[in-house]
N, C-alpha and C. Protein backbone atom coordinates (compact mmCIF):
# COMPACT_ATOMS: atom_id res chain seq x y z
N MET A 1 73.52 111.96 98.52
CA MET A 1 73.94 110.95 97.56
C MET A 1 73.37 111.33 96.16
N THR A 2 74.25 111.33 95.19
CA THR A 2 73.85 111.70 93.83
C THR A 2 73.16 110.56 93.14
N LEU A 3 72.42 110.88 92.08
CA LEU A 3 71.80 109.87 91.25
C LEU A 3 72.82 108.93 90.66
N ARG A 4 73.97 109.45 90.26
CA ARG A 4 75.03 108.64 89.71
C ARG A 4 75.51 107.59 90.67
N THR A 5 75.64 108.00 91.96
CA THR A 5 76.10 107.11 93.00
C THR A 5 75.07 106.01 93.24
N VAL A 6 73.81 106.37 93.29
CA VAL A 6 72.71 105.45 93.47
C VAL A 6 72.70 104.41 92.36
N LEU A 7 72.81 104.87 91.09
CA LEU A 7 72.83 103.95 89.96
C LEU A 7 74.09 103.01 90.05
N LEU A 8 75.22 103.59 90.41
CA LEU A 8 76.43 102.79 90.51
C LEU A 8 76.28 101.67 91.51
N TRP A 9 75.82 101.95 92.73
CA TRP A 9 75.68 100.91 93.75
C TRP A 9 74.58 99.91 93.39
N PHE A 10 73.49 100.44 92.83
CA PHE A 10 72.43 99.50 92.44
C PHE A 10 72.97 98.53 91.41
N GLY A 11 73.66 99.03 90.40
CA GLY A 11 74.20 98.14 89.34
C GLY A 11 75.26 97.21 89.89
N ALA A 12 76.09 97.69 90.81
CA ALA A 12 77.15 96.83 91.39
C ALA A 12 76.59 95.73 92.23
N ILE A 13 75.41 95.88 92.78
CA ILE A 13 74.81 94.84 93.58
C ILE A 13 73.79 93.98 92.78
N ALA A 14 72.91 94.66 92.06
CA ALA A 14 71.89 93.92 91.32
C ALA A 14 72.46 93.15 90.09
N GLY A 15 73.47 93.72 89.48
CA GLY A 15 74.06 93.07 88.31
C GLY A 15 74.60 91.67 88.61
N PRO A 16 75.54 91.56 89.57
CA PRO A 16 76.07 90.25 89.88
C PRO A 16 75.00 89.29 90.40
N ILE A 17 74.06 89.77 91.23
CA ILE A 17 72.99 88.91 91.74
C ILE A 17 72.14 88.38 90.60
N THR A 18 71.84 89.21 89.64
CA THR A 18 71.05 88.76 88.48
C THR A 18 71.80 87.74 87.69
N LEU A 19 73.06 87.95 87.47
CA LEU A 19 73.87 87.00 86.69
C LEU A 19 73.97 85.64 87.44
N LEU A 20 74.15 85.70 88.75
CA LEU A 20 74.19 84.47 89.52
C LEU A 20 72.89 83.70 89.44
N ALA A 21 71.76 84.44 89.51
CA ALA A 21 70.49 83.80 89.43
C ALA A 21 70.26 83.19 88.01
N ARG A 22 70.65 83.95 86.98
CA ARG A 22 70.52 83.46 85.65
C ARG A 22 71.38 82.20 85.42
N THR A 23 72.60 82.22 85.96
CA THR A 23 73.51 81.08 85.83
C THR A 23 72.91 79.86 86.57
N TRP A 24 72.41 80.04 87.77
CA TRP A 24 71.83 78.93 88.48
C TRP A 24 70.65 78.30 87.77
N LEU A 25 69.75 79.13 87.29
CA LEU A 25 68.57 78.61 86.60
C LEU A 25 68.95 77.88 85.32
N THR A 26 69.89 78.47 84.56
CA THR A 26 70.29 77.83 83.29
C THR A 26 71.02 76.53 83.55
N LEU A 27 71.94 76.52 84.49
CA LEU A 27 72.70 75.29 84.78
C LEU A 27 71.77 74.18 85.28
N THR A 28 70.86 74.58 86.15
CA THR A 28 69.93 73.60 86.69
C THR A 28 69.10 72.98 85.60
N SER A 29 68.56 73.81 84.71
CA SER A 29 67.72 73.30 83.64
C SER A 29 68.52 72.43 82.70
N ARG A 30 69.72 72.84 82.36
CA ARG A 30 70.50 72.05 81.40
C ARG A 30 70.99 70.73 82.00
N LEU A 31 71.36 70.71 83.28
CA LEU A 31 71.80 69.52 83.91
C LEU A 31 70.66 68.54 84.04
N GLU A 32 69.49 69.05 84.35
CA GLU A 32 68.27 68.18 84.45
C GLU A 32 67.93 67.57 83.12
N SER A 33 68.28 68.24 82.00
CA SER A 33 67.96 67.72 80.70
C SER A 33 69.07 66.79 80.16
N GLY A 34 70.05 66.54 80.99
CA GLY A 34 71.10 65.61 80.60
C GLY A 34 72.44 66.17 80.17
N ASP A 35 72.58 67.51 80.14
CA ASP A 35 73.82 68.10 79.76
C ASP A 35 74.79 68.00 80.92
N ASN A 36 76.11 68.17 80.60
CA ASN A 36 77.12 68.19 81.67
C ASN A 36 77.46 69.64 82.02
N LEU A 37 78.24 69.85 83.07
CA LEU A 37 78.48 71.19 83.56
C LEU A 37 79.22 72.06 82.53
N VAL A 38 80.19 71.48 81.83
CA VAL A 38 80.92 72.26 80.82
C VAL A 38 79.98 72.69 79.68
N GLY A 39 79.15 71.75 79.23
CA GLY A 39 78.22 72.04 78.17
C GLY A 39 77.20 73.07 78.59
N ALA A 40 76.74 72.99 79.84
CA ALA A 40 75.79 73.95 80.36
C ALA A 40 76.32 75.37 80.43
N LEU A 41 77.60 75.44 80.90
CA LEU A 41 78.25 76.77 80.94
C LEU A 41 78.51 77.32 79.55
N ALA A 42 78.92 76.45 78.62
CA ALA A 42 79.13 76.88 77.29
C ALA A 42 77.84 77.43 76.64
N PHE A 43 76.70 76.75 76.92
CA PHE A 43 75.40 77.23 76.44
C PHE A 43 75.07 78.58 77.06
N LEU A 44 75.28 78.75 78.34
CA LEU A 44 74.95 79.97 79.00
C LEU A 44 75.67 81.17 78.38
N PHE A 45 76.98 80.99 78.10
CA PHE A 45 77.81 82.07 77.55
C PHE A 45 77.74 82.22 76.06
N THR A 46 76.83 81.48 75.42
CA THR A 46 76.58 81.76 73.99
C THR A 46 75.57 82.91 73.82
N PHE A 47 75.00 83.38 74.93
CA PHE A 47 74.01 84.47 74.85
C PHE A 47 74.71 85.79 74.97
N PHE A 48 74.57 86.64 73.95
CA PHE A 48 75.17 87.93 73.97
C PHE A 48 74.63 88.76 75.10
N THR A 49 73.38 88.55 75.48
CA THR A 49 72.78 89.26 76.60
C THR A 49 73.56 88.97 77.88
N VAL A 50 73.85 87.72 78.14
CA VAL A 50 74.56 87.31 79.37
C VAL A 50 75.96 87.91 79.36
N LEU A 51 76.66 87.80 78.26
CA LEU A 51 78.03 88.31 78.19
C LEU A 51 78.09 89.83 78.42
N THR A 52 77.12 90.54 77.87
CA THR A 52 77.10 92.00 77.95
C THR A 52 76.66 92.47 79.30
N ASN A 53 75.73 91.74 79.90
CA ASN A 53 75.37 92.06 81.29
C ASN A 53 76.54 91.79 82.23
N LEU A 54 77.31 90.81 81.92
CA LEU A 54 78.55 90.55 82.69
C LEU A 54 79.51 91.73 82.52
N MET A 55 79.63 92.27 81.34
CA MET A 55 80.48 93.42 81.11
C MET A 55 80.00 94.64 81.93
N MET A 56 78.68 94.82 81.98
CA MET A 56 78.15 95.92 82.79
C MET A 56 78.52 95.72 84.25
N ALA A 57 78.32 94.49 84.77
CA ALA A 57 78.66 94.21 86.16
C ALA A 57 80.15 94.50 86.47
N LEU A 58 81.00 94.14 85.52
CA LEU A 58 82.41 94.40 85.72
C LEU A 58 82.74 95.89 85.73
N CYS A 59 82.05 96.69 84.88
CA CYS A 59 82.24 98.14 84.87
C CYS A 59 81.81 98.72 86.20
N TYR A 60 80.67 98.30 86.69
CA TYR A 60 80.15 98.80 87.97
C TYR A 60 81.09 98.44 89.12
N VAL A 61 81.44 97.19 89.22
CA VAL A 61 82.28 96.72 90.32
C VAL A 61 83.63 97.40 90.27
N ALA A 62 84.18 97.55 89.08
CA ALA A 62 85.44 98.26 88.90
C ALA A 62 85.39 99.67 89.42
N ALA A 63 84.27 100.34 89.16
CA ALA A 63 84.10 101.71 89.57
C ALA A 63 83.93 101.83 91.09
N VAL A 64 83.30 100.84 91.70
CA VAL A 64 83.06 100.84 93.12
C VAL A 64 84.28 100.50 93.93
N THR A 65 85.03 99.51 93.45
CA THR A 65 86.14 98.94 94.23
C THR A 65 87.50 99.55 93.87
N SER A 66 87.69 99.93 92.62
CA SER A 66 89.03 100.41 92.15
C SER A 66 90.07 99.32 92.26
N TRP A 67 89.63 98.06 92.17
CA TRP A 67 90.59 96.96 92.18
C TRP A 67 91.43 96.98 90.93
N GLY A 68 92.77 96.81 91.10
CA GLY A 68 93.68 96.91 89.99
C GLY A 68 93.40 95.94 88.91
N TRP A 69 92.98 94.66 89.24
CA TRP A 69 92.79 93.65 88.22
C TRP A 69 91.56 93.93 87.36
N LEU A 70 90.73 94.84 87.87
CA LEU A 70 89.55 95.23 87.06
C LEU A 70 89.76 96.62 86.42
N GLY A 71 90.98 97.10 86.43
CA GLY A 71 91.26 98.42 85.95
C GLY A 71 90.84 98.69 84.56
N TRP A 72 90.93 97.69 83.66
CA TRP A 72 90.56 97.95 82.24
C TRP A 72 89.08 98.33 82.13
N TRP A 73 88.25 97.78 83.07
CA TRP A 73 86.80 98.03 82.99
C TRP A 73 86.45 99.45 83.50
N ASN A 74 87.44 100.18 84.01
CA ASN A 74 87.27 101.57 84.38
C ASN A 74 87.60 102.54 83.27
N ARG A 75 88.12 102.04 82.21
CA ARG A 75 88.56 102.90 81.13
C ARG A 75 87.39 103.35 80.25
N PRO A 76 87.51 104.55 79.67
CA PRO A 76 86.42 105.03 78.81
C PRO A 76 86.08 104.08 77.69
N PHE A 77 87.08 103.44 77.09
CA PHE A 77 86.81 102.54 75.97
C PHE A 77 85.93 101.36 76.44
N ALA A 78 86.25 100.79 77.57
CA ALA A 78 85.48 99.65 78.08
C ALA A 78 84.05 100.05 78.37
N ARG A 79 83.88 101.23 78.97
CA ARG A 79 82.48 101.68 79.25
C ARG A 79 81.75 102.01 77.98
N GLY A 80 82.43 102.61 77.03
CA GLY A 80 81.76 102.95 75.76
C GLY A 80 81.40 101.68 75.01
N LEU A 81 82.30 100.70 74.98
CA LEU A 81 81.99 99.45 74.32
C LEU A 81 80.79 98.75 74.98
N THR A 82 80.73 98.83 76.28
CA THR A 82 79.62 98.20 77.06
C THR A 82 78.33 98.91 76.76
N VAL A 83 78.38 100.24 76.79
CA VAL A 83 77.18 101.06 76.50
C VAL A 83 76.60 100.72 75.14
N GLY A 84 77.40 100.75 74.09
CA GLY A 84 76.95 100.45 72.76
C GLY A 84 76.41 99.04 72.65
N SER A 85 77.09 98.08 73.27
CA SER A 85 76.70 96.66 73.19
C SER A 85 75.39 96.42 73.88
N ILE A 86 75.18 96.99 75.07
CA ILE A 86 73.99 96.74 75.82
C ILE A 86 72.78 97.45 75.19
N VAL A 87 73.03 98.59 74.57
CA VAL A 87 71.91 99.24 73.83
C VAL A 87 71.45 98.33 72.69
N MET A 88 72.39 97.73 72.00
CA MET A 88 72.07 96.77 70.94
C MET A 88 71.26 95.63 71.47
N VAL A 89 71.69 95.08 72.63
CA VAL A 89 71.00 93.99 73.27
C VAL A 89 69.50 94.38 73.53
N SER A 90 69.29 95.55 74.11
CA SER A 90 67.93 95.94 74.45
C SER A 90 67.07 96.20 73.23
N VAL A 91 67.63 96.95 72.27
CA VAL A 91 66.90 97.34 71.05
C VAL A 91 66.57 96.10 70.22
N TYR A 92 67.51 95.22 70.02
CA TYR A 92 67.29 94.03 69.22
C TYR A 92 66.27 93.11 69.88
N TYR A 93 66.40 93.01 71.19
CA TYR A 93 65.43 92.14 71.89
C TYR A 93 64.00 92.68 71.81
N ILE A 94 63.86 93.99 72.01
CA ILE A 94 62.49 94.58 72.04
C ILE A 94 61.83 94.46 70.67
N PHE A 95 62.60 94.67 69.58
CA PHE A 95 62.01 94.70 68.25
C PHE A 95 61.99 93.39 67.57
N PHE A 96 62.83 92.43 67.94
CA PHE A 96 62.93 91.18 67.17
C PHE A 96 62.75 89.89 67.99
N LEU A 97 62.95 89.93 69.26
CA LEU A 97 62.96 88.65 70.02
C LEU A 97 61.88 88.60 71.08
N SER A 98 61.34 89.73 71.53
CA SER A 98 60.47 89.73 72.68
C SER A 98 59.20 88.91 72.51
N GLY A 99 58.72 88.79 71.29
CA GLY A 99 57.50 88.01 71.06
C GLY A 99 57.69 86.53 70.79
N LEU A 100 58.97 86.06 70.80
CA LEU A 100 59.21 84.69 70.41
C LEU A 100 59.10 83.74 71.65
N GLU A 101 59.29 84.23 72.85
CA GLU A 101 59.22 83.41 74.02
C GLU A 101 58.38 84.08 75.12
N SER A 102 57.87 83.24 75.98
CA SER A 102 57.12 83.76 77.14
C SER A 102 57.79 83.25 78.43
N PHE A 103 57.91 84.14 79.42
CA PHE A 103 58.60 83.76 80.67
C PHE A 103 57.61 83.94 81.81
N THR A 104 57.85 83.15 82.86
CA THR A 104 57.04 83.27 84.06
C THR A 104 58.00 83.28 85.27
N GLY A 105 57.45 83.76 86.40
CA GLY A 105 58.20 83.71 87.64
C GLY A 105 59.53 84.43 87.62
N ILE A 106 60.53 83.84 88.22
CA ILE A 106 61.83 84.47 88.30
C ILE A 106 62.49 84.63 86.94
N ASP A 107 62.16 83.74 86.00
CA ASP A 107 62.66 83.89 84.61
C ASP A 107 62.18 85.17 84.02
N ASN A 108 60.93 85.54 84.26
CA ASN A 108 60.40 86.77 83.69
C ASN A 108 61.05 87.99 84.35
N VAL A 109 61.27 87.88 85.67
CA VAL A 109 61.94 89.02 86.37
C VAL A 109 63.33 89.23 85.80
N LEU A 110 64.13 88.17 85.64
CA LEU A 110 65.44 88.27 85.09
C LEU A 110 65.40 88.81 83.69
N ASN A 111 64.45 88.32 82.88
CA ASN A 111 64.34 88.77 81.50
C ASN A 111 64.10 90.29 81.44
N ILE A 112 63.17 90.77 82.23
CA ILE A 112 62.87 92.19 82.23
C ILE A 112 64.10 92.97 82.66
N TYR A 113 64.74 92.55 83.71
CA TYR A 113 65.92 93.29 84.21
C TYR A 113 67.02 93.33 83.15
N MET A 114 67.36 92.17 82.56
CA MET A 114 68.49 92.10 81.70
C MET A 114 68.26 92.73 80.33
N HIS A 115 67.01 92.82 79.86
CA HIS A 115 66.70 93.38 78.55
C HIS A 115 66.12 94.79 78.53
N TYR A 116 65.39 95.08 79.60
CA TYR A 116 64.67 96.37 79.61
C TYR A 116 65.21 97.38 80.61
N LEU A 117 65.48 96.90 81.85
CA LEU A 117 65.85 97.82 82.92
C LEU A 117 67.33 98.10 82.97
N ALA A 118 68.15 97.03 83.14
CA ALA A 118 69.59 97.18 83.33
C ALA A 118 70.28 97.97 82.18
N PRO A 119 69.93 97.72 80.90
CA PRO A 119 70.63 98.43 79.80
C PRO A 119 70.47 99.95 79.95
N TRP A 120 69.34 100.43 80.21
CA TRP A 120 69.09 101.89 80.20
C TRP A 120 69.53 102.53 81.49
N LEU A 121 69.54 101.79 82.58
CA LEU A 121 70.13 102.30 83.82
C LEU A 121 71.66 102.48 83.63
N PHE A 122 72.29 101.54 82.92
CA PHE A 122 73.69 101.62 82.68
C PHE A 122 74.00 102.81 81.78
N VAL A 123 73.21 102.99 80.75
CA VAL A 123 73.36 104.15 79.85
C VAL A 123 73.26 105.45 80.64
N LEU A 124 72.26 105.54 81.53
CA LEU A 124 72.09 106.74 82.32
C LEU A 124 73.29 106.97 83.22
N TRP A 125 73.77 105.91 83.89
CA TRP A 125 74.96 106.05 84.74
C TRP A 125 76.15 106.54 83.92
N TRP A 126 76.33 105.94 82.74
CA TRP A 126 77.47 106.35 81.91
C TRP A 126 77.33 107.79 81.47
N LEU A 127 76.15 108.26 81.14
CA LEU A 127 75.93 109.66 80.77
C LEU A 127 76.31 110.59 81.90
N LEU A 128 76.12 110.12 83.14
CA LEU A 128 76.39 110.99 84.30
C LEU A 128 77.84 110.92 84.78
N THR A 129 78.60 109.99 84.21
CA THR A 129 80.04 109.92 84.61
C THR A 129 80.81 111.12 84.09
N PRO A 130 81.77 111.59 84.86
CA PRO A 130 82.51 112.82 84.44
C PRO A 130 83.60 112.55 83.40
N GLU A 131 84.00 111.28 83.19
CA GLU A 131 85.12 111.02 82.31
C GLU A 131 84.62 110.82 80.90
N HIS A 132 84.43 111.90 80.17
CA HIS A 132 83.97 111.80 78.81
C HIS A 132 84.96 112.57 77.89
N GLY A 133 84.88 112.25 76.61
CA GLY A 133 85.71 112.90 75.61
C GLY A 133 86.90 112.14 75.14
N ALA A 134 87.14 110.97 75.70
CA ALA A 134 88.33 110.17 75.35
C ALA A 134 88.08 109.28 74.13
N LEU A 135 86.86 109.01 73.78
CA LEU A 135 86.57 108.10 72.67
C LEU A 135 86.80 108.77 71.37
N ARG A 136 87.23 107.99 70.34
CA ARG A 136 87.39 108.50 68.97
C ARG A 136 86.63 107.57 68.00
N PHE A 137 86.33 108.09 66.88
CA PHE A 137 85.60 107.26 65.86
C PHE A 137 86.50 106.12 65.38
N ALA A 138 87.81 106.29 65.53
CA ALA A 138 88.73 105.20 65.23
C ALA A 138 88.55 104.03 66.14
N ASP A 139 87.84 104.22 67.30
CA ASP A 139 87.59 103.10 68.24
C ASP A 139 86.48 102.23 67.80
N VAL A 140 85.65 102.70 66.84
CA VAL A 140 84.50 101.88 66.40
C VAL A 140 84.94 100.49 65.86
N PRO A 141 85.93 100.43 64.95
CA PRO A 141 86.38 99.13 64.48
C PRO A 141 86.87 98.21 65.59
N LYS A 142 87.50 98.81 66.61
CA LYS A 142 87.97 98.01 67.76
C LYS A 142 86.77 97.44 68.52
N MET A 143 85.72 98.25 68.66
CA MET A 143 84.53 97.82 69.36
C MET A 143 83.85 96.68 68.64
N LEU A 144 83.91 96.71 67.31
CA LEU A 144 83.28 95.68 66.50
C LEU A 144 83.93 94.29 66.69
N LEU A 145 85.11 94.30 67.23
CA LEU A 145 85.79 92.98 67.47
C LEU A 145 85.01 92.12 68.46
N TYR A 146 84.30 92.78 69.37
CA TYR A 146 83.53 92.02 70.36
C TYR A 146 82.41 91.21 69.70
N PRO A 147 81.44 91.88 68.99
CA PRO A 147 80.41 91.09 68.34
C PRO A 147 80.94 90.15 67.23
N LEU A 148 82.02 90.54 66.59
CA LEU A 148 82.58 89.67 65.54
C LEU A 148 83.12 88.37 66.16
N LEU A 149 83.92 88.50 67.18
CA LEU A 149 84.44 87.28 67.87
C LEU A 149 83.30 86.47 68.44
N TYR A 150 82.31 87.12 68.95
CA TYR A 150 81.14 86.40 69.49
C TYR A 150 80.48 85.56 68.42
N VAL A 151 80.21 86.16 67.24
CA VAL A 151 79.59 85.39 66.18
C VAL A 151 80.43 84.22 65.71
N ILE A 152 81.71 84.43 65.60
CA ILE A 152 82.64 83.40 65.15
C ILE A 152 82.57 82.17 66.11
N VAL A 153 82.70 82.48 67.41
CA VAL A 153 82.68 81.39 68.42
C VAL A 153 81.34 80.68 68.46
N VAL A 154 80.25 81.43 68.39
CA VAL A 154 78.90 80.83 68.46
C VAL A 154 78.65 80.00 67.21
N MET A 155 79.09 80.46 66.05
CA MET A 155 78.85 79.69 64.84
C MET A 155 79.74 78.42 64.81
N LEU A 156 80.94 78.48 65.32
CA LEU A 156 81.76 77.29 65.38
C LEU A 156 81.16 76.24 66.32
N ARG A 157 80.69 76.76 67.46
CA ARG A 157 80.05 75.84 68.44
C ARG A 157 78.76 75.25 67.80
N GLY A 158 77.98 76.13 67.11
CA GLY A 158 76.73 75.64 66.49
C GLY A 158 77.02 74.56 65.47
N ALA A 159 78.12 74.73 64.70
CA ALA A 159 78.40 73.72 63.70
C ALA A 159 78.72 72.35 64.32
N LEU A 160 79.23 72.38 65.56
CA LEU A 160 79.59 71.15 66.21
C LEU A 160 78.43 70.52 66.94
N VAL A 161 77.59 71.34 67.58
CA VAL A 161 76.52 70.75 68.45
C VAL A 161 75.13 71.04 67.88
N HIS A 162 75.04 71.81 66.80
CA HIS A 162 73.78 72.14 66.14
C HIS A 162 72.80 72.81 67.13
N GLU A 163 73.33 73.82 67.85
CA GLU A 163 72.51 74.59 68.76
C GLU A 163 72.96 76.04 68.66
N TYR A 164 72.03 76.95 68.55
CA TYR A 164 72.30 78.36 68.37
C TYR A 164 71.43 79.14 69.35
N PRO A 165 72.01 80.21 69.95
CA PRO A 165 71.28 80.95 70.97
C PRO A 165 70.20 81.81 70.42
N TYR A 166 70.26 82.24 69.17
CA TYR A 166 69.28 83.16 68.58
C TYR A 166 68.82 82.65 67.22
N PRO A 167 67.53 82.84 66.87
CA PRO A 167 67.01 82.36 65.58
C PRO A 167 67.76 82.89 64.41
N VAL A 168 68.25 84.12 64.47
CA VAL A 168 68.92 84.71 63.32
C VAL A 168 70.22 84.07 62.99
N LEU A 169 70.78 83.28 63.94
CA LEU A 169 72.06 82.57 63.73
C LEU A 169 71.94 81.11 63.39
N ASN A 170 70.66 80.63 63.41
CA ASN A 170 70.39 79.18 63.26
C ASN A 170 70.59 78.77 61.78
N VAL A 171 71.80 78.29 61.48
CA VAL A 171 72.11 77.85 60.14
C VAL A 171 71.30 76.65 59.70
N ASP A 172 71.03 75.77 60.67
CA ASP A 172 70.30 74.55 60.38
C ASP A 172 68.88 74.84 59.83
N GLN A 173 68.29 75.95 60.26
CA GLN A 173 66.96 76.30 59.80
C GLN A 173 66.99 77.29 58.68
N LEU A 174 67.91 78.25 58.73
CA LEU A 174 67.90 79.36 57.74
C LEU A 174 68.85 79.15 56.58
N GLY A 175 69.94 78.43 56.82
CA GLY A 175 70.99 78.30 55.80
C GLY A 175 72.00 79.47 55.99
N TYR A 176 73.18 79.23 55.44
CA TYR A 176 74.26 80.21 55.66
C TYR A 176 73.98 81.52 54.96
N GLY A 177 73.31 81.50 53.80
CA GLY A 177 73.03 82.72 53.10
C GLY A 177 72.14 83.70 53.88
N GLN A 178 71.04 83.11 54.42
CA GLN A 178 70.13 83.96 55.25
C GLN A 178 70.76 84.43 56.53
N VAL A 179 71.56 83.57 57.14
CA VAL A 179 72.26 83.96 58.33
C VAL A 179 73.25 85.10 58.04
N ALA A 180 73.92 84.99 56.90
CA ALA A 180 74.84 86.03 56.53
C ALA A 180 74.18 87.38 56.36
N ILE A 181 72.98 87.35 55.75
CA ILE A 181 72.19 88.60 55.58
C ILE A 181 71.81 89.17 56.92
N GLY A 182 71.36 88.26 57.81
CA GLY A 182 71.00 88.72 59.18
C GLY A 182 72.20 89.32 59.89
N CYS A 183 73.35 88.68 59.80
CA CYS A 183 74.56 89.20 60.46
C CYS A 183 75.01 90.52 59.86
N LEU A 184 74.80 90.71 58.56
CA LEU A 184 75.12 91.99 57.94
C LEU A 184 74.25 93.06 58.50
N GLY A 185 72.94 92.79 58.67
CA GLY A 185 72.03 93.76 59.27
C GLY A 185 72.46 94.12 60.66
N MET A 186 72.84 93.11 61.46
CA MET A 186 73.31 93.40 62.83
C MET A 186 74.60 94.19 62.83
N LEU A 187 75.49 93.90 61.88
CA LEU A 187 76.73 94.66 61.76
C LEU A 187 76.48 96.14 61.55
N ILE A 188 75.55 96.44 60.64
CA ILE A 188 75.16 97.83 60.37
C ILE A 188 74.65 98.44 61.67
N GLY A 189 73.81 97.68 62.41
CA GLY A 189 73.30 98.21 63.66
C GLY A 189 74.37 98.46 64.65
N PHE A 190 75.34 97.59 64.79
CA PHE A 190 76.43 97.77 65.73
C PHE A 190 77.28 99.00 65.34
N VAL A 191 77.57 99.16 64.04
CA VAL A 191 78.34 100.28 63.62
C VAL A 191 77.61 101.58 63.96
N ALA A 192 76.34 101.65 63.73
CA ALA A 192 75.58 102.83 63.97
C ALA A 192 75.54 103.16 65.48
N ILE A 193 75.30 102.13 66.29
CA ILE A 193 75.20 102.38 67.71
C ILE A 193 76.53 102.70 68.36
N TYR A 194 77.62 102.03 67.95
CA TYR A 194 78.92 102.38 68.45
C TYR A 194 79.36 103.77 68.05
N ALA A 195 79.06 104.15 66.77
CA ALA A 195 79.40 105.48 66.33
C ALA A 195 78.61 106.53 67.07
N LEU A 196 77.34 106.26 67.39
CA LEU A 196 76.50 107.16 68.17
C LEU A 196 77.10 107.29 69.56
N THR A 197 77.54 106.19 70.13
CA THR A 197 78.16 106.22 71.49
C THR A 197 79.35 107.11 71.49
N VAL A 198 80.22 107.00 70.50
CA VAL A 198 81.41 107.85 70.42
C VAL A 198 81.01 109.32 70.24
N ALA A 199 80.04 109.56 69.40
CA ALA A 199 79.58 110.95 69.17
C ALA A 199 79.05 111.58 70.48
N VAL A 200 78.22 110.81 71.21
CA VAL A 200 77.69 111.35 72.47
C VAL A 200 78.86 111.60 73.46
N ASP A 201 79.79 110.65 73.50
CA ASP A 201 80.93 110.80 74.46
C ASP A 201 81.71 112.07 74.15
N ARG A 202 81.97 112.28 72.86
CA ARG A 202 82.73 113.47 72.44
C ARG A 202 81.97 114.78 72.78
N TRP A 203 80.67 114.76 72.56
CA TRP A 203 79.83 115.94 72.83
C TRP A 203 79.81 116.21 74.35
N LEU A 204 79.68 115.13 75.15
CA LEU A 204 79.69 115.33 76.61
C LEU A 204 81.08 115.82 77.08
N GLY A 205 82.14 115.33 76.43
CA GLY A 205 83.48 115.78 76.78
C GLY A 205 83.68 117.29 76.49
N ARG A 206 83.13 117.76 75.40
CA ARG A 206 83.22 119.18 75.06
C ARG A 206 82.44 120.00 76.06
N ARG A 207 81.29 119.51 76.50
CA ARG A 207 80.47 120.22 77.48
C ARG A 207 81.21 120.31 78.83
N GLN A 208 81.87 119.22 79.20
CA GLN A 208 82.56 119.22 80.47
C GLN A 208 83.74 120.18 80.43
N LEU A 209 84.45 120.25 79.31
CA LEU A 209 85.56 121.18 79.17
C LEU A 209 85.09 122.64 79.21
N ALA A 210 83.90 122.88 78.66
CA ALA A 210 83.37 124.26 78.63
C ALA A 210 83.01 124.75 80.02
N ARG A 211 82.76 123.81 80.95
CA ARG A 211 82.37 124.20 82.29
C ARG A 211 83.56 124.50 83.18
N VAL A 212 84.75 124.04 82.72
CA VAL A 212 85.96 124.25 83.55
C VAL A 212 86.42 125.69 83.45
């Protein structure tokens, strides 16, 4: 069994289990605090970490099962988008968010997995996949639609319920000007990471062709 196969099966099993555990803990906490099920689910999916870990799980499961309805997640673009997005999740968390909260018990285990372990295991699996060379730098603007749509939805929800998943997006505390500056910084980060993802994919594609 190859390392790539081990990583694939580990991700296909651990990813969904972690997401289910995170969902259960979040819903339980929110419902106990008086929220309803719809509101609790909406809160859960305002976290870019949760959404992107879900994308990783879909990529893994699609690769394991080859189910037609998950076919899009087997495509190079979907994998590249997920790689760039989860790298941003890990890097941003490590440098900007890790010191803001403390976790214990299962919350701490999930936090470590979703921010430190899972992202880089997925990157390693992606590097080991044979289907490289399909991405183009013209794909970068398409990739940016994901974080852009995310910010739009989160900010619209925040304007209605005055709740934001990350401090950098909290308009009530920072004001729109400071939030705009923070979003610009994140945009630059996303462009850089997505462009690097495409560059690595193209380099790996050339190496694979040279071996044929």
